[in-house]
Amino acid sequence: MMTLKCPLSISKRKDSLFFQLFSYMSAVIISIILLQALAEKALVSAVLKVPSELKHQIESLAQQANILIEEGDMDELADWGNAQPFYLFVLNDHNQPLSHRKMHPHFEFKLRFLRELNGPLNDRVSKPLIGVRLVKGNTLVVQLPSEQHPAHQFIIYFAIIKVVIVVAMLSLFSLILARKLQTPLDRLREASRRLASGDFSVNVVTELNSKTTEFNDLARDFDDMTKEIHALSERQKRLIRDVSHELRTPLARQNLALHLLRAKSPSSSHAIVDRLEREVDQMDELVGEILEFSRLENSRYASQCHPVSLEGIISNQVAQSRLQLKESQQINVNRSEPIPLVMADERLVLRCLSNLLSNAIKYAGDTAQIDVSMYPLSEHPMDKVVIEVSDNGGGIPQHQLDTIFLPFTRLESARDKQSGGYGLGLAIVKESMKLMKGEVRASNRSEGGLRIQLVFMN
């Protein structure tokens, strides 16, 4: 049993985010060290040499020393050495001066570290000795002044290279880390958007396809949450649907009982019976709205989309809605240009228009001016057609525009109850438009009032 668990445990550790980040960081640090060593080596060979101008001066001095050696005048050679801007000596093959000049003990000590003119220098600012071979086995030894040592520039170049290497490696590590984290986060965000839009078929584990343990655990938790939300949503829809169906039977019995009660009760009691009948009718209407919304929301409504003419549908519905108008209310129909046929379900379009016009009549005020317009959408003139229902009422607070299409939403509960609203009319409009592959938009008019647009595909 132990031999089976150990490989699994090791494999799990390798798939952990900590192990992966540790591996990346270790690789970055090792790469920085190696690159720095290589850069230092390359910089030493390229920079730490005798400067060209100084090299030419030393070669010129070597030529002058050769001439003096050939002439054999050592006093003149000593005077020549004293007159040069460098501390130098002409030595024989035993490292002894050819002239009578005395050599400083430190200079004599450094002869064991004599460097060639074309050879590399060290990376410390010092006074190295440069040797140049002369005639007859002699050597010109020149002490390089510290202020002319190339290590001054080397320190600056090496510091710049260090910064460049560190920035490059950190940028590479950041890119790897961003790609390692960004891809799972993008897929998780896309999955959450699909879930928010009602798509419960999303499977984050499959779409994530990650080898990181923490991301896979998060994906599994997200999928479990999706399943739970889906189950809760289904139970809620089933409860509403079942309760609505069950209410239909007692409501029908109440209607029948009220009709029998009216026939047997005296005329003085008819007002109470009328009130009871109105209450039952409202309850029956509410149950019908709930069932209609449930069919649309669960896509159990068999929509029959085909090319239809919106002008005729609008004319018929406006004519019916005018019968509900109060004394000072008006409905105006505006047609700017010929409108092409759209793909729609005629019954659903009628239901959407009926709900929008009923809402405007109820809530826009006793002197409401309701406008019904139809026009091609300017951003897609050949693809989309808009039916717009607007009024000059009080409008809706801007922060609540996105909530009016949710079921059972009431912005003013007392007014809605008084006018018979259930908060389902606009929710039915939204679900109907979704079934017809269209969309619904709500906005407030600049001059006051509410504007709702139904966008149909051409």
Protein backbone atom coordinates (compact mmCIF):
# COMPACT_ATOMS: atom_id res chain seq x y z
CA MET A 1 0.00 0.00 0.00
CA MET A 2 2.85 2.40 0.81
CA THR A 3 4.47 1.83 -2.57
CA LEU A 4 1.25 2.92 -4.26
CA LYS A 5 0.75 6.07 -2.21
CA CYS A 6 4.25 7.49 -2.54
CA PRO A 7 4.24 7.95 -6.34
CA LEU A 8 0.77 9.51 -6.16
CA SER A 9 1.89 11.86 -3.40
CA ILE A 10 5.00 12.90 -5.34
CA SER A 11 2.96 13.40 -8.51
CA LYS A 12 0.45 15.53 -6.60
CA ARG A 13 3.24 17.69 -5.22
CA LYS A 14 4.64 18.21 -8.71
CA ASP A 15 1.23 19.34 -9.92
CA SER A 16 0.84 21.86 -7.09
CA LEU A 17 1.06 25.57 -7.80
CA PHE A 18 3.78 25.97 -5.14
CA PHE A 19 6.03 23.40 -6.80
CA GLN A 20 5.56 24.93 -10.24
CA LEU A 21 6.25 28.48 -9.06
CA PHE A 22 9.27 27.25 -7.08
CA SER A 23 10.56 25.52 -10.21
CA TYR A 24 10.09 28.62 -12.34
CA MET A 25 11.77 30.86 -9.78
CA SER A 26 14.69 28.43 -9.37
CA ALA A 27 15.14 28.32 -13.13
CA VAL A 28 15.11 32.11 -13.28
CA ILE A 29 17.70 32.49 -10.50
CA ILE A 30 20.00 29.86 -12.02
CA SER A 31 19.63 31.50 -15.42
CA ILE A 32 20.51 34.91 -13.94
CA ILE A 33 23.66 33.47 -12.32
CA LEU A 34 24.77 31.68 -15.51
CA LEU A 35 24.06 34.63 -17.76
CA GLN A 36 25.86 36.96 -15.38
CA ALA A 37 28.94 34.70 -15.40
CA LEU A 38 28.92 34.46 -19.19
CA ALA A 39 28.37 38.20 -19.54
CA GLU A 40 31.21 38.94 -17.13
CA LYS A 41 33.55 36.64 -19.04
CA ALA A 42 32.61 38.17 -22.37
CA LEU A 43 32.90 41.68 -20.95
CA VAL A 44 36.34 40.96 -19.48
CA SER A 45 37.66 39.75 -22.83
CA ALA A 46 36.09 42.69 -24.68
CA VAL A 47 36.71 45.60 -22.30
CA LEU A 48 39.60 44.75 -19.95
CA LYS A 49 42.41 45.35 -22.40
CA VAL A 50 44.94 48.09 -22.78
CA PRO A 51 43.13 50.96 -24.51
CA SER A 52 44.05 51.41 -28.18
CA GLU A 53 45.45 54.91 -27.75
CA LEU A 54 47.59 53.83 -24.81
CA LYS A 55 48.68 50.74 -26.69
CA HIS A 56 49.98 52.86 -29.57
CA GLN A 57 51.94 55.05 -27.11
CA ILE A 58 53.59 52.00 -25.52
CA GLU A 59 54.47 50.55 -28.93
CA SER A 60 56.02 53.92 -29.87
CA LEU A 61 58.05 53.89 -26.64
CA ALA A 62 59.22 50.35 -27.44
CA GLN A 63 60.51 51.52 -30.83
CA GLN A 64 62.35 54.43 -29.19
CA ALA A 65 63.87 52.08 -26.60
CA ASN A 66 65.07 49.75 -29.33
CA ILE A 67 66.87 52.63 -31.05
CA LEU A 68 68.57 53.67 -27.80
CA ILE A 69 69.61 50.09 -27.06
CA GLU A 70 71.14 49.75 -30.51
CA GLU A 71 73.13 52.95 -29.92
CA GLY A 72 74.36 51.59 -26.58
CA ASP A 73 74.17 54.86 -24.63
CA MET A 74 72.72 53.79 -21.28
CA ASP A 75 72.89 57.30 -19.77
CA GLU A 76 70.72 58.60 -22.56
CA LEU A 77 68.40 55.61 -22.03
CA ALA A 78 68.09 56.58 -18.34
CA ASP A 79 67.38 60.19 -19.19
CA TRP A 80 64.82 59.06 -21.76
CA GLY A 81 63.07 56.87 -19.16
CA ASN A 82 62.90 59.71 -16.64
CA ALA A 83 61.39 62.05 -19.24
CA GLN A 84 58.40 59.78 -20.08
CA PRO A 85 54.91 60.31 -18.60
CA PHE A 86 54.89 56.66 -17.48
CA TYR A 87 56.93 54.96 -14.78
CA LEU A 88 58.92 52.51 -16.92
CA PHE A 89 62.17 50.56 -17.13
CA VAL A 90 64.11 48.72 -19.81
CA LEU A 91 65.10 45.35 -18.29
CA ASN A 92 67.46 42.64 -19.44
CA ASP A 93 66.68 38.95 -19.47
CA HIS A 94 67.41 38.81 -15.69
CA ASN A 95 64.83 41.55 -14.99
CA GLN A 96 67.57 44.05 -14.11
CA PRO A 97 67.57 47.67 -15.42
CA LEU A 98 69.94 48.37 -18.28
CA SER A 99 70.55 51.90 -17.01
CA HIS A 100 71.73 53.06 -13.61
CA ARG A 101 68.15 54.06 -12.55
CA LYS A 102 67.03 52.48 -9.33
CA MET A 103 63.82 50.46 -9.41
CA HIS A 104 61.20 50.85 -6.65
CA PRO A 105 60.89 47.65 -4.56
CA HIS A 106 57.13 47.43 -5.16
CA PHE A 107 57.74 47.73 -8.89
CA GLU A 108 60.32 44.95 -8.65
CA PHE A 109 57.79 42.80 -6.71
CA LYS A 110 55.10 43.26 -9.34
CA LEU A 111 57.38 42.00 -12.13
CA ARG A 112 56.21 38.49 -11.34
CA PHE A 113 52.70 39.60 -12.45
CA LEU A 114 53.90 41.13 -15.71
CA ARG A 115 51.20 41.29 -18.38
CA GLU A 116 51.48 41.29 -22.14
CA LEU A 117 50.44 44.30 -24.16
CA ASN A 118 47.65 42.39 -25.96
CA GLY A 119 46.64 40.30 -22.95
CA PRO A 120 43.64 40.82 -20.64
CA LEU A 121 43.71 42.86 -17.46
CA ASN A 122 41.92 42.17 -14.20
CA ASP A 123 38.69 43.82 -13.15
CA ARG A 124 40.25 45.87 -10.34
CA VAL A 125 41.54 49.39 -10.66
CA SER A 126 45.32 49.01 -10.08
CA LYS A 127 48.64 49.84 -11.70
CA PRO A 128 49.49 46.73 -13.72
CA LEU A 129 52.85 46.31 -15.41
CA ILE A 130 52.77 45.91 -19.19
CA GLY A 131 55.75 44.20 -20.84
CA VAL A 132 56.88 44.62 -24.48
CA ARG A 133 59.70 42.54 -25.94
CA LEU A 134 62.68 44.51 -27.28
CA VAL A 135 65.82 43.64 -29.19
CA LYS A 136 68.62 41.55 -27.68
CA GLY A 137 66.26 39.85 -25.20
CA ASN A 138 65.41 43.03 -23.35
CA THR A 139 61.92 44.05 -22.16
CA LEU A 140 60.22 47.40 -21.85
CA VAL A 141 58.12 47.40 -18.70
CA VAL A 142 55.51 50.18 -18.37
CA GLN A 143 53.37 50.76 -15.29
CA LEU A 144 49.80 51.57 -16.40
CA PRO A 145 48.39 54.60 -14.52
CA SER A 146 45.34 53.75 -12.42
CA GLU A 147 43.28 56.57 -13.96
CA GLN A 148 43.75 55.00 -17.40
CA HIS A 149 42.80 51.48 -16.29
CA PRO A 150 39.74 50.22 -18.32
CA ALA A 151 38.23 48.76 -15.13
CA HIS A 152 36.63 52.16 -14.56
CA GLN A 153 34.41 51.55 -17.60
CA PHE A 154 34.08 47.84 -16.85
CA ILE A 155 32.32 48.57 -13.55
CA ILE A 156 29.73 50.72 -15.34
CA TYR A 157 29.22 48.22 -18.18
CA PHE A 158 28.94 45.31 -15.78
CA ALA A 159 26.35 47.13 -13.66
CA ILE A 160 24.29 47.87 -16.79
CA ILE A 161 24.52 44.24 -17.90
CA LYS A 162 23.39 43.07 -14.46
CA VAL A 163 20.33 45.30 -14.63
CA VAL A 164 19.52 44.19 -18.18
CA ILE A 165 19.83 40.50 -17.30
CA VAL A 166 17.71 40.80 -14.16
CA VAL A 167 15.00 42.81 -15.95
CA ALA A 168 14.96 40.38 -18.89
CA MET A 169 14.71 37.30 -16.68
CA LEU A 170 12.07 38.83 -14.42
CA SER A 171 10.07 39.85 -17.49
CA LEU A 172 10.31 36.29 -18.78
CA PHE A 173 9.26 34.91 -15.41
CA SER A 174 6.36 37.37 -15.21
CA LEU A 175 5.25 36.37 -18.70
CA ILE A 176 5.36 32.68 -17.83
CA LEU A 177 3.53 33.31 -14.55
CA ALA A 178 0.91 35.48 -16.26
CA ARG A 179 0.27 32.83 -18.92
CA LYS A 180 0.14 30.15 -16.25
CA LEU A 181 -2.46 32.05 -14.25
CA GLN A 182 -4.25 34.11 -16.91
CA THR A 183 -5.47 31.22 -19.05
CA PRO A 184 -7.28 29.38 -16.20
CA LEU A 185 -8.70 32.66 -14.89
CA ASP A 186 -10.00 33.62 -18.34
CA ARG A 187 -11.68 30.23 -18.76
CA LEU A 188 -13.14 30.42 -15.27
CA ARG A 189 -14.47 33.92 -15.96
CA GLU A 190 -16.01 32.75 -19.24
CA ALA A 191 -17.64 29.84 -17.42
CA SER A 192 -19.06 32.18 -14.78
CA ARG A 193 -20.50 34.40 -17.53
CA ARG A 194 -22.18 31.43 -19.17
CA LEU A 195 -23.55 30.35 -15.80
CA ALA A 196 -24.86 33.87 -15.15
CA SER A 197 -26.65 33.79 -18.52
CA GLY A 198 -28.41 30.56 -17.55
CA ASP A 199 -26.17 28.02 -19.30
CA PHE A 200 -25.85 25.20 -16.77
CA SER A 201 -24.16 22.83 -19.23
CA VAL A 202 -20.77 24.42 -18.61
CA ASN A 203 -18.07 22.00 -17.39
CA VAL A 204 -15.10 23.96 -16.07
CA VAL A 205 -12.90 20.91 -15.41
CA THR A 206 -13.08 19.86 -19.05
CA GLU A 207 -12.68 23.36 -20.43
CA LEU A 208 -9.89 24.30 -18.03
CA ASN A 209 -7.78 21.24 -18.90
CA SER A 210 -5.16 22.31 -16.36
CA LYS A 211 -2.36 20.26 -14.82
CA THR A 212 -2.28 22.40 -11.69
CA THR A 213 -3.89 20.80 -8.64
CA GLU A 214 -5.26 24.03 -7.16
CA PHE A 215 -6.93 25.08 -10.42
CA ASN A 216 -8.48 21.63 -10.88
CA ASP A 217 -9.83 21.70 -7.31
CA LEU A 218 -11.30 25.15 -7.94
CA ALA A 219 -12.83 23.95 -11.22
CA ARG A 220 -14.42 20.94 -9.51
CA ASP A 221 -15.86 23.19 -6.79
CA PHE A 222 -17.23 25.50 -9.48
CA ASP A 223 -18.84 22.56 -11.30
CA ASP A 224 -20.36 21.32 -8.03
CA MET A 225 -21.73 24.82 -7.40
CA THR A 226 -23.16 24.89 -10.95
CA LYS A 227 -24.93 21.57 -10.41
CA GLU A 228 -26.35 22.76 -7.11
CA ILE A 229 -27.57 26.05 -8.57
CA HIS A 230 -29.09 24.18 -11.52
CA ALA A 231 -30.87 21.80 -9.17
CA LEU A 232 -32.18 24.67 -7.05
CA SER A 233 -33.35 26.53 -10.14
CA GLU A 234 -35.13 23.47 -11.48
CA ARG A 235 -36.80 22.83 -8.15
CA GLN A 236 -37.96 26.45 -7.99
CA LYS A 237 -39.36 26.36 -11.52
CA ARG A 238 -41.05 23.02 -10.88
CA LEU A 239 -42.57 24.33 -7.65
CA ILE A 240 -43.99 27.42 -9.33
CA ARG A 241 -45.30 25.38 -12.25
CA ASP A 242 -46.84 22.65 -10.09
CA VAL A 243 -48.39 25.11 -7.65
CA SER A 244 -49.86 27.12 -10.54
CA HIS A 245 -51.36 24.00 -12.08
CA GLU A 246 -52.78 22.89 -8.77
CA LEU A 247 -54.40 26.31 -8.24
CA ARG A 248 -56.33 26.09 -11.49
CA THR A 249 -58.73 23.42 -10.19
CA PRO A 250 -59.82 25.16 -6.96
CA LEU A 251 -60.13 28.45 -8.86
CA ALA A 252 -62.47 26.82 -11.37
CA ARG A 253 -64.50 25.40 -8.48
CA GLN A 254 -64.68 28.81 -6.84
CA ASN A 255 -65.95 30.34 -10.06
CA LEU A 256 -68.64 27.70 -10.31
CA ALA A 257 -69.57 28.15 -6.64
CA LEU A 258 -69.80 31.94 -7.07
CA HIS A 259 -72.11 31.55 -10.06
CA LEU A 260 -74.37 29.26 -8.01
CA LEU A 261 -74.19 31.67 -5.07
CA ARG A 262 -75.22 34.58 -7.29
CA ALA A 263 -78.25 32.66 -8.51
CA LYS A 264 -79.37 31.79 -4.97
CA SER A 265 -78.43 34.98 -3.10
CA PRO A 266 -80.64 38.10 -2.88
CA SER A 267 -79.73 41.13 -5.01
CA SER A 268 -78.47 42.95 -1.91
CA SER A 269 -75.59 40.46 -1.71
CA HIS A 270 -74.57 40.72 -5.40
CA ALA A 271 -71.97 43.42 -4.66
CA ILE A 272 -70.08 41.02 -2.41
CA VAL A 273 -70.33 38.27 -5.03
CA ASP A 274 -69.03 40.68 -7.69
CA ARG A 275 -66.04 41.50 -5.53
CA LEU A 276 -65.29 37.83 -4.94
CA GLU A 277 -65.54 37.14 -8.68
CA ARG A 278 -63.05 39.94 -9.40
CA GLU A 279 -60.64 38.51 -6.86
CA VAL A 280 -60.93 35.05 -8.38
CA ASP A 281 -60.44 36.46 -11.88
CA GLN A 282 -57.30 38.27 -10.76
CA MET A 283 -56.00 35.10 -9.19
CA ASP A 284 -56.77 33.16 -12.35
CA GLU A 285 -55.00 35.83 -14.42
CA LEU A 286 -51.94 35.65 -12.16
CA VAL A 287 -51.82 31.86 -12.47
CA GLY A 288 -52.05 32.20 -16.24
CA GLU A 289 -49.17 34.71 -16.26
CA ILE A 290 -47.03 32.39 -14.14
CA LEU A 291 -47.71 29.41 -16.39
CA GLU A 292 -46.99 31.47 -19.50
CA PHE A 293 -43.70 32.71 -18.05
CA SER A 294 -42.79 29.16 -16.96
CA ARG A 295 -43.36 27.82 -20.50
CA LEU A 296 -41.25 30.60 -22.02
CA GLU A 297 -38.47 30.39 -19.44
CA ASN A 298 -38.12 26.61 -19.77
CA SER A 299 -38.28 26.79 -23.59
CA ARG A 300 -41.33 24.53 -23.56
CA TYR A 301 -43.18 26.96 -25.79
CA ALA A 302 -43.05 25.75 -29.40
CA SER A 303 -42.27 29.02 -31.13
CA GLN A 304 -43.08 29.24 -34.85
CA CYS A 305 -40.82 31.93 -36.25
CA HIS A 306 -41.41 32.85 -39.88
CA PRO A 307 -41.27 36.07 -41.92
CA VAL A 308 -44.00 38.39 -40.69
CA SER A 309 -45.02 41.98 -41.34
CA LEU A 310 -44.85 44.08 -38.19
CA GLU A 311 -47.15 46.83 -39.52
CA GLY A 312 -50.27 44.65 -39.39
CA ILE A 313 -49.44 43.26 -35.94
CA ILE A 314 -48.88 46.74 -34.54
CA SER A 315 -52.11 48.08 -36.05
CA ASN A 316 -54.20 45.26 -34.59
CA GLN A 317 -52.68 45.48 -31.13
CA VAL A 318 -52.84 49.28 -30.95
CA ALA A 319 -56.53 49.15 -31.91
CA GLN A 320 -57.20 46.74 -29.04
CA SER A 321 -55.10 48.72 -26.56
CA ARG A 322 -56.97 51.95 -27.38
CA LEU A 323 -60.02 50.37 -25.78
CA GLN A 324 -58.16 50.41 -22.43
CA LEU A 325 -57.15 54.09 -22.63
CA LYS A 326 -58.26 56.54 -19.99
CA GLU A 327 -60.03 59.71 -21.08
CA SER A 328 -56.92 61.91 -21.57
CA GLN A 329 -54.51 59.23 -22.79
CA GLN A 330 -53.42 58.77 -26.41
CA ILE A 331 -51.53 56.19 -28.46
CA ASN A 332 -49.73 57.39 -31.58
CA VAL A 333 -48.19 55.12 -34.25
CA ASN A 334 -45.15 56.38 -36.18
CA ARG A 335 -43.79 54.76 -39.36
CA SER A 336 -40.74 56.44 -40.83
CA GLU A 337 -40.14 54.19 -43.85
CA PRO A 338 -41.12 50.81 -45.29
CA ILE A 339 -40.03 48.04 -42.96
CA PRO A 340 -38.86 44.64 -44.25
CA LEU A 341 -40.25 41.37 -42.98
CA VAL A 342 -38.71 39.97 -39.79
CA MET A 343 -38.36 36.46 -38.39
CA ALA A 344 -40.80 36.29 -35.49
CA ASP A 345 -43.67 34.42 -33.86
CA GLU A 346 -46.83 36.46 -34.42
CA ARG A 347 -48.44 35.36 -31.15
CA LEU A 348 -45.36 36.27 -29.12
CA VAL A 349 -45.06 39.67 -30.84
CA LEU A 350 -48.69 40.41 -29.97
CA ARG A 351 -48.07 39.36 -26.37
CA CYS A 352 -45.00 41.61 -26.10
CA LEU A 353 -46.84 44.63 -27.54
CA SER A 354 -49.86 43.98 -25.34
CA ASN A 355 -47.72 43.87 -22.19
CA LEU A 356 -45.75 47.01 -23.09
CA LEU A 357 -48.83 49.04 -23.98
CA SER A 358 -50.70 47.83 -20.87
CA ASN A 359 -47.76 48.90 -18.68
CA ALA A 360 -47.62 52.32 -20.33
CA ILE A 361 -51.36 52.81 -19.89
CA LYS A 362 -51.19 51.80 -16.20
CA TYR A 363 -48.06 53.60 -15.12
CA ALA A 364 -47.39 56.58 -17.43
CA GLY A 365 -50.12 58.75 -15.88
CA ASP A 366 -53.67 59.81 -16.63
CA THR A 367 -52.53 62.14 -19.46
CA ALA A 368 -49.97 59.78 -20.97
CA GLN A 369 -48.89 60.20 -24.58
CA ILE A 370 -47.77 56.75 -25.77
CA ASP A 371 -45.79 56.48 -29.00
CA VAL A 372 -45.31 53.26 -30.94
CA SER A 373 -42.52 53.54 -33.53
CA MET A 374 -40.98 51.10 -35.98
CA TYR A 375 -37.66 51.61 -37.78
CA PRO A 376 -34.49 49.82 -38.91
CA LEU A 377 -31.70 49.86 -36.36
CA SER A 378 -29.14 52.43 -37.49
CA GLU A 379 -26.16 50.31 -36.52
CA HIS A 380 -27.45 47.36 -38.58
CA PRO A 381 -29.87 48.82 -41.14
CA MET A 382 -30.22 45.60 -43.15
CA ASP A 383 -30.20 43.11 -40.28
CA LYS A 384 -32.37 44.41 -37.42
CA VAL A 385 -35.73 46.12 -37.00
CA VAL A 386 -36.93 47.88 -33.86
CA ILE A 387 -40.40 48.33 -32.38
CA GLU A 388 -40.23 51.11 -29.81
CA VAL A 389 -42.87 51.86 -27.17
CA SER A 390 -42.26 55.10 -25.30
CA ASP A 391 -44.27 57.35 -23.00
CA ASN A 392 -43.97 60.72 -21.30
CA GLY A 393 -44.43 59.43 -17.76
CA GLY A 394 -42.03 59.59 -14.84
CA GLY A 395 -39.61 56.96 -16.16
CA ILE A 396 -37.63 54.56 -13.99
CA PRO A 397 -34.58 55.27 -11.78
CA GLN A 398 -31.44 54.60 -13.79
CA HIS A 399 -30.06 52.02 -11.36
CA GLN A 400 -33.26 49.95 -11.62
CA LEU A 401 -33.44 49.69 -15.42
CA ASP A 402 -31.69 46.32 -15.43
CA THR A 403 -34.09 44.82 -12.87
CA ILE A 404 -37.44 45.55 -14.51
CA PHE A 405 -37.22 42.43 -16.69
CA LEU A 406 -36.82 40.11 -13.70
CA PRO A 407 -39.93 38.15 -12.68
CA PHE A 408 -42.07 39.57 -9.86
CA THR A 409 -40.20 42.88 -9.91
CA ARG A 410 -42.28 45.78 -8.59
CA LEU A 411 -40.75 49.21 -8.37
CA GLU A 412 -43.78 50.65 -6.59
CA SER A 413 -45.56 47.83 -4.86
CA ALA A 414 -48.65 49.73 -3.73
CA ARG A 415 -49.27 51.16 -7.19
CA ASP A 416 -48.72 47.81 -8.86
CA LYS A 417 -51.15 46.04 -6.61
CA GLN A 418 -53.72 48.74 -7.04
CA SER A 419 -53.45 48.62 -10.82
CA GLY A 420 -53.37 44.86 -11.02
CA GLY A 421 -49.72 44.31 -11.89
CA TYR A 422 -47.90 41.13 -10.93
CA GLY A 423 -44.34 41.96 -12.02
CA LEU A 424 -44.41 39.34 -14.80
CA GLY A 425 -45.31 41.38 -17.88
CA LEU A 426 -41.80 42.58 -18.76
CA ALA A 427 -40.27 39.23 -17.75
CA ILE A 428 -42.56 37.56 -20.30
CA VAL A 429 -41.47 40.14 -22.88
CA LYS A 430 -37.81 39.33 -22.26
CA GLU A 431 -38.30 35.55 -22.50
CA SER A 432 -40.43 35.94 -25.62
CA MET A 433 -37.78 38.01 -27.37
CA LYS A 434 -35.13 35.49 -26.35
CA LEU A 435 -37.13 32.68 -27.99
CA MET A 436 -37.35 34.74 -31.19
CA LYS A 437 -33.56 35.36 -31.15
CA GLY A 438 -34.14 39.04 -30.49
CA GLU A 439 -33.56 41.29 -27.52
CA VAL A 440 -35.31 43.92 -25.42
CA ARG A 441 -33.76 47.20 -24.22
CA ALA A 442 -34.97 49.75 -21.70
CA SER A 443 -33.87 53.37 -21.26
CA ASN A 444 -35.18 56.68 -20.02
CA ARG A 445 -35.99 59.42 -22.51
CA SER A 446 -34.06 62.67 -22.17
CA GLU A 447 -37.34 64.63 -22.20
CA GLY A 448 -38.85 62.31 -19.57
CA GLY A 449 -40.57 58.96 -19.71
CA LEU A 450 -39.62 55.36 -20.42
CA ARG A 451 -38.50 53.87 -23.73
CA ILE A 452 -38.54 50.12 -24.41
CA GLN A 453 -37.21 48.71 -27.67
CA LEU A 454 -37.93 45.29 -29.15
CA VAL A 455 -35.10 44.34 -31.54
CA PHE A 456 -35.97 41.74 -34.19
CA MET A 457 -33.66 39.98 -36.63
CA ASN A 458 -34.40 40.57 -40.30
